């Protein structure tokens, strides 16, 4: 079963609220905040697909490809992929991400949201 547009938007908003509670004074906090930002973007994009498509991409690879191919939200592709990549680094690598990385992730998320928002 796939979530609806509204359920994805709720999940995105919940993740965004949770991200605001993370202590980003540590590297671990920065890494988790970046990871949560990616999932905010993921649910935002999934809300779009739930509203506009009969097929909802279920893997990261399929989702990124669907974003890139969709003329309405293709402008979010580069920032979405940057968020995906930096969050993967935060989750799996000994990355030592710093506040500048969090600021970059925030900018990427804002771009994704601004591109997708007008089509929700």
Protein backbone atom coordinates (compact mmCIF):
# COMPACT_ATOMS: atom_id res chain seq x y z
CA UNK A 1 0.00 0.00 0.00
CA UNK A 2 1.28 3.43 -0.93
CA UNK A 3 0.78 6.56 1.10
CA UNK A 4 -1.47 9.31 -0.21
CA UNK A 5 -0.34 12.82 -1.09
CA UNK A 6 -1.58 14.06 2.27
CA UNK A 7 0.10 11.25 4.21
CA UNK A 8 3.44 11.97 2.52
CA UNK A 9 3.08 15.68 3.28
CA UNK A 10 2.30 14.87 6.91
CA UNK A 11 5.34 12.59 7.11
CA UNK A 12 7.50 15.28 5.53
CA UNK A 13 6.26 17.88 8.02
CA UNK A 14 6.81 15.51 10.95
CA UNK A 15 10.37 14.82 9.80
CA UNK A 16 11.00 18.54 9.39
CA UNK A 17 9.74 19.24 12.91
CA UNK A 18 11.89 16.40 14.27
CA UNK A 19 14.96 17.73 12.48
CA UNK A 20 14.56 21.01 14.36
CA UNK A 21 14.98 19.13 17.66
CA UNK A 22 18.34 17.60 16.75
CA UNK A 23 21.36 19.03 18.54
CA UNK A 24 23.61 20.02 15.64
CA UNK A 25 26.53 21.06 17.85
CA UNK A 26 28.10 17.65 17.24
CA UNK A 27 29.14 15.84 14.08
CA UNK A 28 26.63 13.08 14.83
CA UNK A 29 23.87 15.66 15.19
CA UNK A 30 24.82 17.27 11.88
CA UNK A 31 24.82 13.87 10.17
CA UNK A 32 21.38 12.99 11.54
CA UNK A 33 19.97 16.40 10.64
CA UNK A 34 21.20 15.96 7.06
CA UNK A 35 19.72 12.47 6.92
CA UNK A 36 16.34 13.72 8.14
CA UNK A 37 16.43 16.58 5.59
CA UNK A 38 16.79 13.99 2.83
CA UNK A 39 13.73 12.15 4.10
CA UNK A 40 11.80 15.43 4.25
CA UNK A 41 12.61 15.86 0.55
CA UNK A 42 11.81 12.22 -0.23
CA UNK A 43 8.30 12.45 1.24
CA UNK A 44 7.73 15.79 -0.44
CA UNK A 45 8.58 14.24 -3.81
CA UNK A 46 6.53 11.15 -3.02
CA UNK A 47 3.54 13.41 -2.27
CA UNK A 48 3.92 14.81 -5.78
CA UNK A 49 4.03 11.35 -7.35
CA UNK A 50 1.09 10.17 -5.25
CA UNK A 51 -0.94 13.10 -6.61
CA UNK A 52 0.22 13.04 -10.24
CA UNK A 53 1.13 9.50 -11.18
CA UNK A 54 -0.41 6.05 -11.17
CA UNK A 55 3.04 4.62 -10.45
CA UNK A 56 4.86 5.68 -7.28
CA UNK A 57 8.62 5.00 -7.35
CA UNK A 58 9.56 2.75 -4.45
CA UNK A 59 13.36 2.73 -4.58
CA UNK A 60 15.84 5.57 -4.37
CA UNK A 61 17.09 4.81 -7.89
CA UNK A 62 13.62 4.72 -9.43
CA UNK A 63 12.61 7.88 -7.58
CA UNK A 64 15.65 9.86 -8.73
CA UNK A 65 15.09 8.70 -12.30
CA UNK A 66 11.40 9.64 -12.13
CA UNK A 67 12.27 13.11 -10.87
CA UNK A 68 14.76 13.59 -13.67
CA UNK A 69 12.24 12.49 -16.33
CA UNK A 70 9.28 14.50 -15.04
CA UNK A 71 9.21 17.87 -16.82
CA UNK A 72 7.33 19.56 -13.95
CA UNK A 73 9.85 18.71 -11.22
CA UNK A 74 13.05 17.93 -13.14
CA UNK A 75 14.44 21.21 -11.81
CA UNK A 76 14.63 19.58 -8.37
CA UNK A 77 16.73 16.66 -9.58
CA UNK A 78 20.24 18.01 -8.92
CA UNK A 79 19.42 19.21 -5.42
CA UNK A 80 17.52 16.01 -4.60
CA UNK A 81 20.52 13.93 -5.69
CA UNK A 82 22.90 16.14 -3.70
CA UNK A 83 20.74 15.56 -0.61
CA UNK A 84 20.59 11.85 -1.28
CA UNK A 85 24.36 11.64 -1.72
CA UNK A 86 25.27 13.70 1.34
CA UNK A 87 22.76 11.81 3.49
CA UNK A 88 24.23 8.50 2.32
CA UNK A 89 27.65 9.84 3.28
CA UNK A 90 26.27 10.82 6.69
CA UNK A 91 24.72 7.39 7.24
CA UNK A 92 27.45 5.10 5.98
CA UNK A 93 30.82 6.84 5.83
CA UNK A 94 33.11 8.24 8.45
CA UNK A 95 32.36 11.62 7.00
CA UNK A 96 33.02 14.25 9.70
CA UNK A 97 30.40 16.51 8.16
CA UNK A 98 30.48 20.09 9.42
CA UNK A 99 27.99 22.98 9.80
CA UNK A 100 28.68 24.09 6.22
CA UNK A 101 27.43 20.73 4.98
CA UNK A 102 24.22 21.19 6.96
CA UNK A 103 23.75 24.65 5.45
CA UNK A 104 24.28 23.14 1.98
CA UNK A 105 21.72 20.39 2.71
CA UNK A 106 19.24 23.03 3.91
CA UNK A 107 19.64 24.95 0.65
CA UNK A 108 19.14 21.76 -1.38
CA UNK A 109 15.98 20.92 0.55
CA UNK A 110 14.58 24.42 0.03
CA UNK A 111 15.15 24.11 -3.72
CA UNK A 112 13.44 20.72 -3.87
CA UNK A 113 10.48 22.04 -1.91
CA UNK A 114 10.17 25.20 -3.99
CA UNK A 115 10.19 23.27 -7.28
CA UNK A 116 7.74 20.61 -6.11
CA UNK A 117 5.45 22.87 -4.03
CA UNK A 118 3.90 24.64 -7.01
CA UNK A 119 2.74 21.30 -8.43
CA UNK A 120 1.19 19.90 -5.27
